[in-house]
Amino acid sequence: MRVLVSFLILLTSCSGYHFGHGGVMERYCSICVPFVEGDNNGQLTNALISQISSQGILAYRSCGADLLLKVCIFEPSDENIGFNYASINDEDAKVVVANEARLSIVARVSLIERSSQKCLLGPIEILSSIAYDFEPDLSNVTNHNFAIGQLEMNSLAKDAAFPPLYNLLAQKIVDYLAHSW
């Protein structure tokens, strides 16, 4: 009986208590996302604004916000990760060709309080990557076994991989902001 009473007192006296001081987002209402450094066509900037607006953790404002999200992206890298054999001129000779690649990008993220210019979070580097298929660029190969999405040459497929890569990176950045203490 004493254990039950002690447990009930402990349970009712600690309702709503969380370890730590609460998230950074709880103390602010709005955020501004200036143009991302290195984002030449604005795709990552748009993806960030979209993610912030859809998550609803802060109100997006183009100016006069409580917080400033400073993001800088570095040169993306790609590496071949999938290979296949391709026949040459209907002969038995085969050559190994790449048909899948991974596109990766790193962003340096800082969250700054606008009124004091104090850095609240970061700088931290966040990595995002995505894999994509492509058709090997061999004009002398006569037989291709196509996989789903393997319809374009490497440069075209790489260009098509950037929008989902930026969306994934934006989601990771906003998740970092929402769940950091």
N, C-alpha and C. Protein backbone atom coordinates (compact mmCIF):
# COMPACT_ATOMS: atom_id res chain seq x y z
N MET A 1 0.81 -1.19 0.00
CA MET A 1 0.00 0.00 0.00
C MET A 1 0.87 1.27 0.00
N ARG A 2 1.91 1.28 0.83
CA ARG A 2 2.79 2.44 0.89
C ARG A 2 3.50 2.65 -0.44
N VAL A 3 3.85 1.55 -1.08
CA VAL A 3 4.52 1.64 -2.38
C VAL A 3 3.58 2.25 -3.41
N LEU A 4 2.33 1.86 -3.40
CA LEU A 4 1.34 2.39 -4.34
C LEU A 4 1.12 3.88 -4.13
N VAL A 5 0.99 4.31 -2.87
CA VAL A 5 0.81 5.73 -2.56
C VAL A 5 2.04 6.52 -2.97
N SER A 6 3.21 6.00 -2.69
CA SER A 6 4.45 6.69 -3.07
C SER A 6 4.55 6.81 -4.59
N PHE A 7 4.16 5.76 -5.28
CA PHE A 7 4.20 5.80 -6.75
C PHE A 7 3.21 6.82 -7.30
N LEU A 8 2.00 6.90 -6.75
CA LEU A 8 1.01 7.87 -7.20
C LEU A 8 1.46 9.31 -6.94
N ILE A 9 2.07 9.56 -5.80
CA ILE A 9 2.58 10.90 -5.49
C ILE A 9 3.69 11.27 -6.47
N LEU A 10 4.58 10.34 -6.70
CA LEU A 10 5.67 10.58 -7.65
C LEU A 10 5.13 10.83 -9.05
N LEU A 11 4.13 10.06 -9.45
CA LEU A 11 3.55 10.19 -10.78
C LEU A 11 2.85 11.53 -10.96
N THR A 12 2.07 11.96 -9.97
CA THR A 12 1.33 13.21 -10.11
C THR A 12 2.21 14.43 -9.94
N SER A 13 3.27 14.34 -9.16
CA SER A 13 4.12 15.52 -8.94
C SER A 13 5.06 15.78 -10.11
N CYS A 14 5.26 14.80 -10.98
CA CYS A 14 6.20 14.97 -12.08
C CYS A 14 5.51 15.05 -13.44
N SER A 15 4.23 15.29 -13.46
CA SER A 15 3.54 15.31 -14.75
C SER A 15 4.04 16.48 -15.59
N GLY A 16 4.34 16.21 -16.81
CA GLY A 16 4.80 17.23 -17.73
C GLY A 16 6.28 17.55 -17.64
N TYR A 17 7.00 16.88 -16.75
CA TYR A 17 8.42 17.16 -16.61
C TYR A 17 9.21 16.38 -17.64
N HIS A 18 10.18 17.05 -18.27
CA HIS A 18 11.07 16.42 -19.23
C HIS A 18 12.49 16.77 -18.83
N PHE A 19 13.40 15.85 -19.03
CA PHE A 19 14.80 16.14 -18.77
C PHE A 19 15.30 17.16 -19.77
N GLY A 20 16.19 18.02 -19.38
CA GLY A 20 16.73 19.04 -20.26
C GLY A 20 15.96 20.34 -20.09
N HIS A 21 16.22 21.30 -20.95
CA HIS A 21 15.61 22.61 -20.85
C HIS A 21 14.56 22.87 -21.91
N GLY A 22 14.17 21.88 -22.67
CA GLY A 22 13.22 22.08 -23.75
C GLY A 22 13.96 22.43 -25.02
N GLY A 23 13.29 22.23 -26.12
CA GLY A 23 13.90 22.50 -27.41
C GLY A 23 14.07 23.98 -27.67
N VAL A 24 14.98 24.30 -28.55
CA VAL A 24 15.23 25.69 -28.93
C VAL A 24 13.98 26.29 -29.55
N MET A 25 13.24 25.49 -30.28
CA MET A 25 12.07 25.99 -31.00
C MET A 25 10.96 26.45 -30.07
N GLU A 26 10.91 25.95 -28.85
CA GLU A 26 9.83 26.30 -27.92
C GLU A 26 9.89 27.77 -27.48
N ARG A 27 11.05 28.39 -27.59
CA ARG A 27 11.20 29.77 -27.11
C ARG A 27 11.04 30.81 -28.21
N TYR A 28 10.84 30.38 -29.45
CA TYR A 28 10.77 31.30 -30.58
C TYR A 28 9.54 30.99 -31.43
N CYS A 29 9.13 31.99 -32.21
CA CYS A 29 7.91 31.84 -33.01
C CYS A 29 8.17 31.77 -34.52
N SER A 30 9.22 32.42 -35.00
CA SER A 30 9.39 32.53 -36.44
C SER A 30 10.84 32.33 -36.86
N ILE A 31 11.02 32.00 -38.13
CA ILE A 31 12.35 31.75 -38.68
C ILE A 31 12.44 32.32 -40.09
N CYS A 32 13.62 32.80 -40.43
CA CYS A 32 13.93 33.32 -41.76
C CYS A 32 14.99 32.41 -42.38
N VAL A 33 14.81 32.09 -43.66
CA VAL A 33 15.77 31.26 -44.38
C VAL A 33 16.31 32.06 -45.55
N PRO A 34 17.47 32.69 -45.39
CA PRO A 34 18.05 33.41 -46.53
C PRO A 34 18.54 32.41 -47.59
N PHE A 35 18.89 32.92 -48.74
CA PHE A 35 19.35 32.07 -49.83
C PHE A 35 20.52 31.21 -49.35
N VAL A 36 20.43 29.91 -49.58
CA VAL A 36 21.48 28.98 -49.14
C VAL A 36 22.74 29.21 -49.96
N GLU A 37 23.86 29.38 -49.27
CA GLU A 37 25.14 29.61 -49.95
C GLU A 37 25.54 28.35 -50.72
N GLY A 38 25.79 28.51 -52.00
CA GLY A 38 26.15 27.38 -52.86
C GLY A 38 24.98 26.77 -53.59
N ASP A 39 23.77 27.22 -53.29
CA ASP A 39 22.55 26.72 -53.95
C ASP A 39 22.26 27.64 -55.13
N ASN A 40 22.89 27.35 -56.25
CA ASN A 40 22.84 28.26 -57.39
C ASN A 40 21.45 28.44 -58.00
N ASN A 41 20.61 27.42 -57.95
CA ASN A 41 19.28 27.56 -58.56
C ASN A 41 18.16 27.64 -57.53
N GLY A 42 18.47 27.66 -56.25
CA GLY A 42 17.47 27.87 -55.21
C GLY A 42 16.64 26.65 -54.83
N GLN A 43 17.00 25.47 -55.31
CA GLN A 43 16.20 24.29 -55.01
C GLN A 43 16.25 23.91 -53.53
N LEU A 44 17.41 23.96 -52.91
CA LEU A 44 17.50 23.63 -51.49
C LEU A 44 16.81 24.68 -50.64
N THR A 45 16.95 25.94 -50.99
CA THR A 45 16.27 27.01 -50.25
C THR A 45 14.77 26.79 -50.28
N ASN A 46 14.21 26.49 -51.45
CA ASN A 46 12.77 26.23 -51.57
C ASN A 46 12.36 24.99 -50.78
N ALA A 47 13.18 23.95 -50.82
CA ALA A 47 12.87 22.73 -50.08
C ALA A 47 12.87 22.99 -48.57
N LEU A 48 13.82 23.80 -48.08
CA LEU A 48 13.86 24.14 -46.66
C LEU A 48 12.61 24.91 -46.23
N ILE A 49 12.23 25.90 -47.01
CA ILE A 49 11.04 26.70 -46.69
C ILE A 49 9.80 25.81 -46.68
N SER A 50 9.72 24.92 -47.65
CA SER A 50 8.58 24.00 -47.73
C SER A 50 8.53 23.07 -46.51
N GLN A 51 9.67 22.51 -46.12
CA GLN A 51 9.72 21.62 -44.96
C GLN A 51 9.37 22.35 -43.67
N ILE A 52 9.89 23.56 -43.50
CA ILE A 52 9.59 24.35 -42.29
C ILE A 52 8.10 24.66 -42.23
N SER A 53 7.53 25.04 -43.36
CA SER A 53 6.10 25.37 -43.40
C SER A 53 5.23 24.15 -43.15
N SER A 54 5.61 23.00 -43.70
CA SER A 54 4.77 21.81 -43.55
C SER A 54 4.88 21.20 -42.15
N GLN A 55 6.03 21.32 -41.49
CA GLN A 55 6.19 20.76 -40.15
C GLN A 55 5.51 21.63 -39.09
N GLY A 56 5.41 22.93 -39.34
CA GLY A 56 4.71 23.81 -38.42
C GLY A 56 5.41 24.08 -37.10
N ILE A 57 6.70 23.80 -37.02
CA ILE A 57 7.41 24.06 -35.76
C ILE A 57 7.65 25.55 -35.54
N LEU A 58 7.82 26.27 -36.62
CA LEU A 58 8.01 27.72 -36.59
C LEU A 58 7.30 28.33 -37.80
N ALA A 59 6.91 29.57 -37.66
CA ALA A 59 6.33 30.28 -38.80
C ALA A 59 7.46 30.83 -39.66
N TYR A 60 7.37 30.59 -40.97
CA TYR A 60 8.38 31.13 -41.88
C TYR A 60 8.06 32.58 -42.18
N ARG A 61 9.09 33.43 -42.12
CA ARG A 61 8.97 34.84 -42.51
C ARG A 61 10.16 35.19 -43.38
N SER A 62 9.93 35.97 -44.40
CA SER A 62 11.02 36.36 -45.28
C SER A 62 11.92 37.42 -44.63
N CYS A 63 11.38 38.16 -43.67
CA CYS A 63 12.18 39.13 -42.91
C CYS A 63 11.53 39.36 -41.56
N GLY A 64 12.30 39.87 -40.63
CA GLY A 64 11.79 40.19 -39.30
C GLY A 64 11.48 39.00 -38.42
N ALA A 65 12.11 37.87 -38.66
CA ALA A 65 11.87 36.66 -37.87
C ALA A 65 12.74 36.64 -36.61
N ASP A 66 12.37 35.78 -35.67
CA ASP A 66 13.14 35.63 -34.43
C ASP A 66 14.48 34.94 -34.68
N LEU A 67 14.48 33.97 -35.61
CA LEU A 67 15.66 33.14 -35.86
C LEU A 67 16.08 33.24 -37.32
N LEU A 68 17.34 32.99 -37.55
CA LEU A 68 17.92 32.97 -38.89
C LEU A 68 18.59 31.62 -39.09
N LEU A 69 18.19 30.91 -40.15
CA LEU A 69 18.79 29.62 -40.46
C LEU A 69 19.84 29.84 -41.54
N LYS A 70 21.09 29.68 -41.16
CA LYS A 70 22.20 29.89 -42.09
C LYS A 70 22.69 28.52 -42.58
N VAL A 71 22.65 28.32 -43.91
CA VAL A 71 23.02 27.04 -44.49
C VAL A 71 24.00 27.28 -45.63
N CYS A 72 25.03 26.47 -45.67
CA CYS A 72 26.03 26.51 -46.74
C CYS A 72 26.21 25.08 -47.24
N ILE A 73 26.05 24.86 -48.54
CA ILE A 73 26.27 23.52 -49.07
C ILE A 73 27.61 23.47 -49.80
N PHE A 74 28.22 22.30 -49.73
CA PHE A 74 29.51 22.07 -50.37
C PHE A 74 29.28 21.37 -51.70
N GLU A 75 30.30 21.32 -52.50
CA GLU A 75 30.23 20.68 -53.82
C GLU A 75 29.75 19.24 -53.67
N PRO A 76 28.71 18.85 -54.39
CA PRO A 76 28.23 17.46 -54.29
C PRO A 76 29.26 16.48 -54.86
N SER A 77 29.21 15.27 -54.36
CA SER A 77 30.10 14.23 -54.88
C SER A 77 29.25 13.06 -55.35
N ASP A 78 29.75 12.37 -56.36
CA ASP A 78 29.07 11.16 -56.80
C ASP A 78 30.09 10.06 -57.01
N GLU A 79 29.65 8.85 -56.74
CA GLU A 79 30.52 7.69 -56.91
C GLU A 79 29.70 6.56 -57.51
N ASN A 80 30.34 5.78 -58.35
CA ASN A 80 29.67 4.63 -58.94
C ASN A 80 29.58 3.53 -57.89
N ILE A 81 28.37 2.96 -57.75
CA ILE A 81 28.18 1.91 -56.75
C ILE A 81 27.60 0.63 -57.35
N GLY A 82 27.11 0.69 -58.58
CA GLY A 82 26.54 -0.49 -59.22
C GLY A 82 27.19 -0.72 -60.56
N PHE A 83 27.44 -1.99 -60.88
CA PHE A 83 28.13 -2.33 -62.12
C PHE A 83 27.43 -3.50 -62.78
N ASN A 84 27.65 -3.62 -64.09
CA ASN A 84 27.05 -4.69 -64.86
C ASN A 84 28.01 -5.07 -65.98
N TYR A 85 27.82 -6.26 -66.53
CA TYR A 85 28.58 -6.66 -67.70
C TYR A 85 27.81 -6.24 -68.94
N ALA A 86 28.53 -5.76 -69.93
CA ALA A 86 27.92 -5.38 -71.21
C ALA A 86 28.67 -6.09 -72.32
N SER A 87 27.92 -6.65 -73.27
CA SER A 87 28.55 -7.32 -74.41
C SER A 87 29.02 -6.29 -75.41
N ILE A 88 30.08 -6.62 -76.12
CA ILE A 88 30.62 -5.71 -77.13
C ILE A 88 30.42 -6.34 -78.49
N ASN A 89 29.70 -5.65 -79.36
CA ASN A 89 29.51 -6.05 -80.76
C ASN A 89 29.02 -7.49 -80.91
N ASP A 90 28.05 -7.88 -80.10
CA ASP A 90 27.45 -9.22 -80.17
C ASP A 90 28.48 -10.34 -80.06
N GLU A 91 29.58 -10.08 -79.44
CA GLU A 91 30.62 -11.09 -79.25
C GLU A 91 30.56 -11.60 -77.82
N ASP A 92 31.37 -12.56 -77.54
CA ASP A 92 31.41 -13.11 -76.19
C ASP A 92 32.19 -12.22 -75.23
N ALA A 93 32.94 -11.28 -75.76
CA ALA A 93 33.72 -10.37 -74.91
C ALA A 93 32.78 -9.45 -74.14
N LYS A 94 33.04 -9.30 -72.86
CA LYS A 94 32.20 -8.44 -72.02
C LYS A 94 33.08 -7.43 -71.30
N VAL A 95 32.49 -6.30 -71.02
CA VAL A 95 33.19 -5.24 -70.31
C VAL A 95 32.33 -4.84 -69.11
N VAL A 96 32.96 -4.48 -68.00
CA VAL A 96 32.25 -4.03 -66.81
C VAL A 96 31.95 -2.54 -66.97
N VAL A 97 30.68 -2.19 -66.81
CA VAL A 97 30.27 -0.79 -66.92
C VAL A 97 29.47 -0.39 -65.68
N ALA A 98 29.56 0.86 -65.32
CA ALA A 98 28.79 1.39 -64.20
C ALA A 98 27.36 1.65 -64.65
N ASN A 99 26.40 1.35 -63.78
CA ASN A 99 25.01 1.63 -64.09
C ASN A 99 24.22 2.17 -62.89
N GLU A 100 24.91 2.42 -61.78
CA GLU A 100 24.27 2.99 -60.61
C GLU A 100 25.28 3.87 -59.88
N ALA A 101 24.81 4.98 -59.34
CA ALA A 101 25.70 5.90 -58.65
C ALA A 101 25.03 6.43 -57.38
N ARG A 102 25.84 6.96 -56.47
CA ARG A 102 25.35 7.60 -55.27
C ARG A 102 25.78 9.06 -55.31
N LEU A 103 24.80 9.95 -55.16
CA LEU A 103 25.04 11.39 -55.14
C LEU A 103 24.93 11.85 -53.69
N SER A 104 25.98 12.52 -53.18
CA SER A 104 26.02 12.95 -51.77
C SER A 104 26.30 14.45 -51.71
N ILE A 105 25.75 15.06 -50.66
CA ILE A 105 25.98 16.49 -50.44
C ILE A 105 26.03 16.75 -48.94
N VAL A 106 26.87 17.69 -48.55
CA VAL A 106 27.02 18.08 -47.15
C VAL A 106 26.61 19.53 -47.00
N ALA A 107 25.86 19.80 -45.94
CA ALA A 107 25.45 21.17 -45.62
C ALA A 107 25.95 21.54 -44.23
N ARG A 108 26.47 22.74 -44.10
CA ARG A 108 26.85 23.28 -42.79
C ARG A 108 25.70 24.17 -42.34
N VAL A 109 25.16 23.86 -41.16
CA VAL A 109 23.93 24.50 -40.68
C VAL A 109 24.19 25.20 -39.36
N SER A 110 23.70 26.44 -39.25
CA SER A 110 23.76 27.20 -38.00
C SER A 110 22.41 27.87 -37.79
N LEU A 111 21.96 27.90 -36.55
CA LEU A 111 20.74 28.60 -36.19
C LEU A 111 21.12 29.78 -35.33
N ILE A 112 20.75 30.98 -35.77
CA ILE A 112 21.19 32.21 -35.14
C ILE A 112 19.99 33.00 -34.64
N GLU A 113 20.08 33.51 -33.41
CA GLU A 113 19.06 34.40 -32.88
C GLU A 113 19.30 35.78 -33.50
N ARG A 114 18.30 36.31 -34.17
CA ARG A 114 18.50 37.55 -34.93
C ARG A 114 18.78 38.75 -34.04
N SER A 115 18.11 38.86 -32.91
CA SER A 115 18.26 40.06 -32.08
C SER A 115 19.65 40.18 -31.47
N SER A 116 20.24 39.07 -31.06
CA SER A 116 21.55 39.11 -30.41
C SER A 116 22.68 38.62 -31.31
N GLN A 117 22.36 38.04 -32.46
CA GLN A 117 23.32 37.42 -33.38
C GLN A 117 24.07 36.26 -32.71
N LYS A 118 23.47 35.69 -31.67
CA LYS A 118 24.06 34.56 -30.95
C LYS A 118 23.73 33.27 -31.70
N CYS A 119 24.74 32.42 -31.86
CA CYS A 119 24.55 31.12 -32.52
C CYS A 119 23.95 30.15 -31.50
N LEU A 120 22.71 29.71 -31.75
CA LEU A 120 22.03 28.82 -30.83
C LEU A 120 22.34 27.35 -31.08
N LEU A 121 22.45 26.98 -32.34
CA LEU A 121 22.77 25.61 -32.73
C LEU A 121 23.82 25.63 -33.82
N GLY A 122 24.74 24.70 -33.74
CA GLY A 122 25.73 24.56 -34.80
C GLY A 122 26.95 25.44 -34.57
N PRO A 123 27.76 25.54 -35.59
CA PRO A 123 27.56 24.92 -36.90
C PRO A 123 27.75 23.41 -36.84
N ILE A 124 26.92 22.73 -37.60
CA ILE A 124 26.97 21.27 -37.70
C ILE A 124 26.89 20.90 -39.18
N GLU A 125 27.56 19.83 -39.55
CA GLU A 125 27.50 19.37 -40.93
C GLU A 125 26.55 18.20 -41.03
N ILE A 126 25.63 18.28 -41.97
CA ILE A 126 24.61 17.25 -42.18
C ILE A 126 24.80 16.68 -43.58
N LEU A 127 24.91 15.37 -43.66
CA LEU A 127 25.14 14.67 -44.93
C LEU A 127 23.84 14.04 -45.41
N SER A 128 23.63 14.12 -46.70
CA SER A 128 22.49 13.45 -47.32
C SER A 128 22.97 12.82 -48.62
N SER A 129 22.42 11.65 -48.94
CA SER A 129 22.81 10.99 -50.19
C SER A 129 21.63 10.24 -50.77
N ILE A 130 21.71 10.00 -52.07
CA ILE A 130 20.66 9.30 -52.79
C ILE A 130 21.32 8.49 -53.90
N ALA A 131 20.77 7.32 -54.17
CA ALA A 131 21.29 6.47 -55.24
C ALA A 131 20.38 6.61 -56.46
N TYR A 132 20.98 6.51 -57.63
CA TYR A 132 20.19 6.59 -58.87
C TYR A 132 20.81 5.65 -59.91
N ASP A 133 19.96 5.16 -60.78
CA ASP A 133 20.37 4.29 -61.88
C ASP A 133 20.53 5.10 -63.16
N PHE A 134 21.37 4.62 -64.06
CA PHE A 134 21.53 5.27 -65.35
C PHE A 134 21.95 4.24 -66.38
N GLU A 135 21.78 4.60 -67.62
CA GLU A 135 22.22 3.74 -68.72
C GLU A 135 23.67 4.05 -69.02
N PRO A 136 24.52 3.04 -69.09
CA PRO A 136 25.92 3.29 -69.43
C PRO A 136 26.04 3.93 -70.81
N ASP A 137 26.96 4.84 -70.95
CA ASP A 137 27.14 5.55 -72.22
C ASP A 137 28.16 4.81 -73.08
N LEU A 138 27.73 3.72 -73.67
CA LEU A 138 28.59 2.94 -74.55
C LEU A 138 27.87 2.74 -75.87
N SER A 139 28.27 3.42 -76.87
CA SER A 139 27.58 3.32 -78.16
C SER A 139 27.81 1.99 -78.84
N ASN A 140 28.85 1.27 -78.45
CA ASN A 140 29.12 -0.01 -79.09
C ASN A 140 28.50 -1.19 -78.35
N VAL A 141 27.81 -0.95 -77.22
CA VAL A 141 27.16 -2.03 -76.51
C VAL A 141 25.79 -2.24 -77.13
N THR A 142 25.47 -3.49 -77.48
CA THR A 142 24.23 -3.75 -78.20
C THR A 142 23.12 -4.30 -77.30
N ASN A 143 23.45 -4.86 -76.16
CA ASN A 143 22.44 -5.49 -75.33
C ASN A 143 22.47 -4.86 -73.94
N HIS A 144 21.35 -4.25 -73.54
CA HIS A 144 21.24 -3.66 -72.21
C HIS A 144 20.11 -4.34 -71.46
N ASN A 145 20.35 -4.67 -70.23
CA ASN A 145 19.29 -5.15 -69.36
C ASN A 145 18.91 -3.97 -68.47
N PHE A 146 17.74 -3.40 -68.70
CA PHE A 146 17.32 -2.20 -67.99
C PHE A 146 16.65 -2.54 -66.68
N ALA A 147 16.97 -1.77 -65.65
CA ALA A 147 16.28 -1.86 -64.38
C ALA A 147 15.32 -0.67 -64.29
N ILE A 148 14.46 -0.69 -63.30
CA ILE A 148 13.52 0.42 -63.14
C ILE A 148 14.30 1.71 -62.93
N GLY A 149 13.96 2.74 -63.66
CA GLY A 149 14.61 4.03 -63.54
C GLY A 149 15.89 4.15 -64.34
N GLN A 150 16.28 3.12 -65.01
CA GLN A 150 17.56 3.10 -65.73
C GLN A 150 17.32 3.50 -67.18
N LEU A 151 16.86 4.73 -67.39
CA LEU A 151 16.43 5.14 -68.71
C LEU A 151 17.25 6.27 -69.29
N GLU A 152 18.13 6.86 -68.55
CA GLU A 152 18.86 8.03 -69.01
C GLU A 152 20.36 7.85 -68.83
N MET A 153 21.10 8.62 -69.58
CA MET A 153 22.55 8.63 -69.41
C MET A 153 22.89 9.24 -68.05
N ASN A 154 24.12 9.05 -67.60
CA ASN A 154 24.54 9.45 -66.27
C ASN A 154 24.29 10.93 -65.99
N SER A 155 24.65 11.81 -66.89
CA SER A 155 24.51 13.24 -66.60
C SER A 155 23.05 13.65 -66.45
N LEU A 156 22.16 13.09 -67.26
CA LEU A 156 20.74 13.41 -67.14
C LEU A 156 20.14 12.81 -65.87
N ALA A 157 20.52 11.58 -65.57
CA ALA A 157 20.02 10.94 -64.36
C ALA A 157 20.52 11.66 -63.10
N LYS A 158 21.75 12.15 -63.15
CA LYS A 158 22.31 12.89 -62.01
C LYS A 158 21.54 14.19 -61.80
N ASP A 159 21.24 14.90 -62.88
CA ASP A 159 20.46 16.13 -62.77
C ASP A 159 19.07 15.86 -62.18
N ALA A 160 18.48 14.72 -62.56
CA ALA A 160 17.15 14.36 -62.04
C ALA A 160 17.20 13.93 -60.59
N ALA A 161 18.37 13.55 -60.08
CA ALA A 161 18.51 13.10 -58.69
C ALA A 161 18.63 14.26 -57.70
N PHE A 162 18.95 15.47 -58.18
CA PHE A 162 19.14 16.59 -57.26
C PHE A 162 17.87 17.00 -56.51
N PRO A 163 16.71 17.16 -57.14
CA PRO A 163 15.51 17.56 -56.36
C PRO A 163 15.18 16.62 -55.19
N PRO A 164 15.15 15.29 -55.38
CA PRO A 164 14.89 14.46 -54.21
C PRO A 164 16.02 14.50 -53.18
N LEU A 165 17.26 14.70 -53.63
CA LEU A 165 18.38 14.83 -52.69
C LEU A 165 18.20 16.08 -51.83
N TYR A 166 17.85 17.21 -52.46
CA TYR A 166 17.62 18.44 -51.70
C TYR A 166 16.44 18.31 -50.75
N ASN A 167 15.38 17.62 -51.16
CA ASN A 167 14.23 17.41 -50.27
C ASN A 167 14.63 16.58 -49.05
N LEU A 168 15.44 15.56 -49.27
CA LEU A 168 15.91 14.73 -48.17
C LEU A 168 16.81 15.53 -47.22
N LEU A 169 17.70 16.33 -47.78
CA LEU A 169 18.58 17.16 -46.96
C LEU A 169 17.78 18.18 -46.16
N ALA A 170 16.79 18.80 -46.79
CA ALA A 170 15.95 19.78 -46.09
C ALA A 170 15.19 19.12 -44.95
N GLN A 171 14.71 17.91 -45.17
CA GLN A 171 14.00 17.19 -44.12
C GLN A 171 14.93 16.89 -42.95
N LYS A 172 16.17 16.49 -43.23
CA LYS A 172 17.14 16.22 -42.17
C LYS A 172 17.47 17.49 -41.38
N ILE A 173 17.60 18.61 -42.07
CA ILE A 173 17.92 19.88 -41.40
C ILE A 173 16.78 20.29 -40.48
N VAL A 174 15.55 20.22 -40.96
CA VAL A 174 14.39 20.62 -40.15
C VAL A 174 14.20 19.65 -38.98
N ASP A 175 14.44 18.36 -39.20
CA ASP A 175 14.37 17.40 -38.09
C ASP A 175 15.43 17.72 -37.03
N TYR A 176 16.61 18.12 -37.47
CA TYR A 176 17.66 18.52 -36.53
C TYR A 176 17.19 19.71 -35.69
N LEU A 177 16.59 20.69 -36.32
CA LEU A 177 16.10 21.87 -35.60
C LEU A 177 15.00 21.49 -34.63
N ALA A 178 14.09 20.63 -35.06
CA ALA A 178 12.93 20.28 -34.23
C ALA A 178 13.29 19.42 -33.03
N HIS A 179 14.33 18.59 -33.17
CA HIS A 179 14.63 17.63 -32.11
C HIS A 179 15.92 17.91 -31.35
N SER A 180 16.53 19.06 -31.56
CA SER A 180 17.74 19.38 -30.81
C SER A 180 17.37 20.04 -29.51
N TRP A 181 18.22 19.83 -28.52
CA TRP A 181 17.99 20.41 -27.21
C TRP A 181 18.94 21.54 -27.05
